[in-house]
């Protein structure tokens, strides 16, 4: 279960961080932070969801979250 949690976290964190950095670099380059033609927002949201799922699974499997 810990391997699944770590895998989901890494798989989610990479597109999340990449999307944020891409938006910041593009915003610095063009002066407009969010352009409509860039499809990165769904990628950032999906990465955040996968990363959060990995964190929650890791917390549940290690006993830090759930019934006591």
N, C-alpha and C. Protein backbone atom coordinates (compact mmCIF):
# COMPACT_ATOMS: atom_id res chain seq x y z
N UNK A 1 0.82 -1.18 0.00
CA UNK A 1 0.00 0.00 0.00
C UNK A 1 0.87 1.26 0.00
N UNK A 2 1.99 1.19 0.67
CA UNK A 2 2.90 2.34 0.72
C UNK A 2 3.48 2.62 -0.67
N UNK A 3 3.75 1.56 -1.44
CA UNK A 3 4.28 1.75 -2.79
C UNK A 3 3.25 2.44 -3.69
N UNK A 4 1.98 2.04 -3.53
CA UNK A 4 0.91 2.68 -4.30
C UNK A 4 0.80 4.16 -3.95
N UNK A 5 0.88 4.46 -2.68
CA UNK A 5 0.80 5.86 -2.24
C UNK A 5 1.95 6.68 -2.79
N UNK A 6 3.15 6.15 -2.72
CA UNK A 6 4.31 6.87 -3.23
C UNK A 6 4.22 7.05 -4.74
N UNK A 7 3.79 6.00 -5.44
CA UNK A 7 3.65 6.10 -6.90
C UNK A 7 2.63 7.15 -7.30
N UNK A 8 1.47 7.14 -6.63
CA UNK A 8 0.45 8.13 -6.95
C UNK A 8 0.94 9.54 -6.64
N UNK A 9 1.65 9.70 -5.54
CA UNK A 9 2.17 11.02 -5.20
C UNK A 9 3.15 11.52 -6.26
N UNK A 10 4.07 10.67 -6.67
CA UNK A 10 5.07 11.08 -7.67
C UNK A 10 4.40 11.34 -9.02
N UNK A 11 3.49 10.44 -9.42
CA UNK A 11 2.80 10.61 -10.70
C UNK A 11 1.97 11.89 -10.69
N UNK A 12 1.43 12.26 -9.54
CA UNK A 12 0.65 13.49 -9.46
C UNK A 12 1.49 14.73 -9.28
N UNK A 13 2.59 14.62 -8.56
CA UNK A 13 3.40 15.81 -8.26
C UNK A 13 4.15 16.32 -9.48
N UNK A 14 4.56 15.43 -10.36
CA UNK A 14 5.35 15.85 -11.53
C UNK A 14 4.53 16.74 -12.46
N UNK A 15 3.33 16.33 -12.92
CA UNK A 15 2.58 17.25 -13.78
C UNK A 15 2.10 18.50 -13.06
N UNK A 16 1.82 18.39 -11.76
CA UNK A 16 1.41 19.56 -10.99
C UNK A 16 2.53 20.60 -10.98
N UNK A 17 3.73 20.18 -10.62
CA UNK A 17 4.86 21.11 -10.55
C UNK A 17 5.23 21.62 -11.94
N UNK A 18 5.19 20.75 -12.94
CA UNK A 18 5.52 21.16 -14.30
C UNK A 18 4.54 22.21 -14.81
N UNK A 19 3.26 21.99 -14.54
CA UNK A 19 2.25 22.95 -14.98
C UNK A 19 2.40 24.30 -14.31
N UNK A 20 2.66 24.30 -13.01
CA UNK A 20 2.84 25.56 -12.29
C UNK A 20 4.06 26.31 -12.82
N UNK A 21 5.17 25.61 -13.00
CA UNK A 21 6.39 26.25 -13.51
C UNK A 21 6.16 26.76 -14.93
N UNK A 22 5.46 25.99 -15.76
CA UNK A 22 5.20 26.42 -17.13
C UNK A 22 4.36 27.70 -17.14
N UNK A 23 3.30 27.74 -16.30
CA UNK A 23 2.48 28.95 -16.23
C UNK A 23 3.31 30.14 -15.77
N UNK A 24 4.16 29.97 -14.77
CA UNK A 24 4.96 31.08 -14.27
C UNK A 24 5.96 31.57 -15.31
N UNK A 25 6.63 30.64 -16.00
CA UNK A 25 7.60 31.03 -17.03
C UNK A 25 6.88 31.72 -18.19
N UNK A 26 5.74 31.17 -18.61
CA UNK A 26 4.99 31.77 -19.71
C UNK A 26 4.44 33.14 -19.31
N UNK A 27 4.00 33.25 -18.06
CA UNK A 27 3.51 34.54 -17.59
C UNK A 27 4.61 35.58 -17.52
N UNK A 28 5.79 35.16 -17.15
CA UNK A 28 6.93 36.09 -17.11
C UNK A 28 7.32 36.51 -18.53
N UNK A 29 7.23 35.57 -19.46
CA UNK A 29 7.63 35.84 -20.84
C UNK A 29 6.62 36.73 -21.57
N UNK A 30 5.32 36.45 -21.38
CA UNK A 30 4.30 37.18 -22.13
C UNK A 30 3.66 38.32 -21.36
N UNK A 31 3.75 38.31 -20.04
CA UNK A 31 3.09 39.32 -19.24
C UNK A 31 1.66 38.98 -18.88
N UNK A 32 1.14 37.86 -19.41
CA UNK A 32 -0.22 37.40 -19.10
C UNK A 32 -0.08 36.05 -18.41
N UNK A 33 -0.59 35.96 -17.18
CA UNK A 33 -0.36 34.73 -16.42
C UNK A 33 -1.18 33.56 -16.95
N UNK A 34 -2.47 33.76 -17.22
CA UNK A 34 -3.31 32.65 -17.68
C UNK A 34 -3.87 32.98 -19.05
N UNK A 35 -3.32 32.35 -20.07
CA UNK A 35 -3.86 32.51 -21.42
C UNK A 35 -4.82 31.37 -21.69
N UNK A 36 -5.88 31.66 -22.43
CA UNK A 36 -6.92 30.66 -22.65
C UNK A 36 -6.46 29.52 -23.56
N UNK A 37 -5.48 29.74 -24.40
CA UNK A 37 -5.09 28.69 -25.33
C UNK A 37 -4.16 27.64 -24.72
N UNK A 38 -3.73 27.85 -23.49
CA UNK A 38 -2.86 26.86 -22.85
C UNK A 38 -3.71 25.84 -22.10
N UNK A 39 -3.58 24.55 -22.39
CA UNK A 39 -4.43 23.53 -21.77
C UNK A 39 -3.85 22.97 -20.47
N UNK A 40 -3.06 23.75 -19.75
CA UNK A 40 -2.37 23.19 -18.59
C UNK A 40 -3.21 23.10 -17.34
N UNK A 41 -4.31 23.87 -17.24
CA UNK A 41 -5.09 23.84 -16.01
C UNK A 41 -5.66 22.46 -15.69
N UNK A 42 -6.23 21.72 -16.66
CA UNK A 42 -6.69 20.36 -16.33
C UNK A 42 -5.55 19.43 -15.92
N UNK A 43 -4.38 19.63 -16.48
CA UNK A 43 -3.23 18.80 -16.12
C UNK A 43 -2.81 19.11 -14.69
N UNK A 44 -2.81 20.39 -14.31
CA UNK A 44 -2.47 20.77 -12.94
C UNK A 44 -3.49 20.21 -11.97
N UNK A 45 -4.78 20.31 -12.31
CA UNK A 45 -5.83 19.82 -11.42
C UNK A 45 -5.75 18.30 -11.26
N UNK A 46 -5.52 17.59 -12.36
CA UNK A 46 -5.41 16.13 -12.28
C UNK A 46 -4.16 15.73 -11.49
N UNK A 47 -3.07 16.43 -11.67
CA UNK A 47 -1.85 16.14 -10.91
C UNK A 47 -2.06 16.37 -9.42
N UNK A 48 -2.76 17.46 -9.09
CA UNK A 48 -3.05 17.73 -7.68
C UNK A 48 -3.92 16.64 -7.09
N UNK A 49 -4.92 16.20 -7.84
CA UNK A 49 -5.82 15.14 -7.35
C UNK A 49 -5.06 13.83 -7.14
N UNK A 50 -4.21 13.46 -8.07
CA UNK A 50 -3.43 12.23 -7.91
C UNK A 50 -2.46 12.33 -6.74
N UNK A 51 -1.80 13.46 -6.61
CA UNK A 51 -0.89 13.65 -5.49
C UNK A 51 -1.61 13.61 -4.15
N UNK A 52 -2.77 14.26 -4.07
CA UNK A 52 -3.55 14.25 -2.83
C UNK A 52 -4.04 12.85 -2.50
N UNK A 53 -4.44 12.10 -3.52
CA UNK A 53 -4.86 10.71 -3.30
C UNK A 53 -3.71 9.89 -2.75
N UNK A 54 -2.53 10.07 -3.29
CA UNK A 54 -1.36 9.36 -2.78
C UNK A 54 -1.06 9.71 -1.33
N UNK A 55 -1.19 10.98 -0.98
CA UNK A 55 -0.94 11.39 0.40
C UNK A 55 -1.97 10.78 1.34
N UNK A 56 -3.24 10.80 0.94
CA UNK A 56 -4.29 10.24 1.80
C UNK A 56 -4.12 8.74 1.95
N UNK A 57 -3.82 8.03 0.87
CA UNK A 57 -3.59 6.58 0.97
C UNK A 57 -2.40 6.30 1.88
N UNK A 58 -1.35 7.09 1.76
CA UNK A 58 -0.19 6.91 2.63
C UNK A 58 -0.51 7.15 4.09
N UNK A 59 -1.33 8.16 4.36
CA UNK A 59 -1.70 8.44 5.75
C UNK A 59 -2.60 7.34 6.31
N UNK A 60 -3.52 6.83 5.51
CA UNK A 60 -4.40 5.76 5.98
C UNK A 60 -3.61 4.48 6.22
N UNK A 61 -2.71 4.15 5.31
CA UNK A 61 -1.96 2.90 5.44
C UNK A 61 -0.95 2.93 6.58
N UNK A 62 -0.51 4.12 6.97
CA UNK A 62 0.45 4.20 8.08
C UNK A 62 -0.24 4.43 9.42
N UNK A 63 -1.55 4.55 9.42
CA UNK A 63 -2.28 4.70 10.66
C UNK A 63 -2.41 6.13 11.16
N UNK A 64 -2.01 7.11 10.37
CA UNK A 64 -2.10 8.50 10.79
C UNK A 64 -3.48 9.10 10.55
N UNK A 65 -4.30 8.43 9.75
CA UNK A 65 -5.62 8.93 9.43
C UNK A 65 -6.58 7.76 9.48
N UNK A 66 -7.72 7.96 10.06
CA UNK A 66 -8.72 6.90 10.14
C UNK A 66 -9.13 6.62 11.56
N UNK A 67 -9.94 5.58 11.76
CA UNK A 67 -10.41 5.27 13.11
C UNK A 67 -9.28 4.81 14.02
N UNK A 68 -9.40 5.14 15.28
CA UNK A 68 -8.36 4.78 16.24
C UNK A 68 -8.88 3.83 17.26
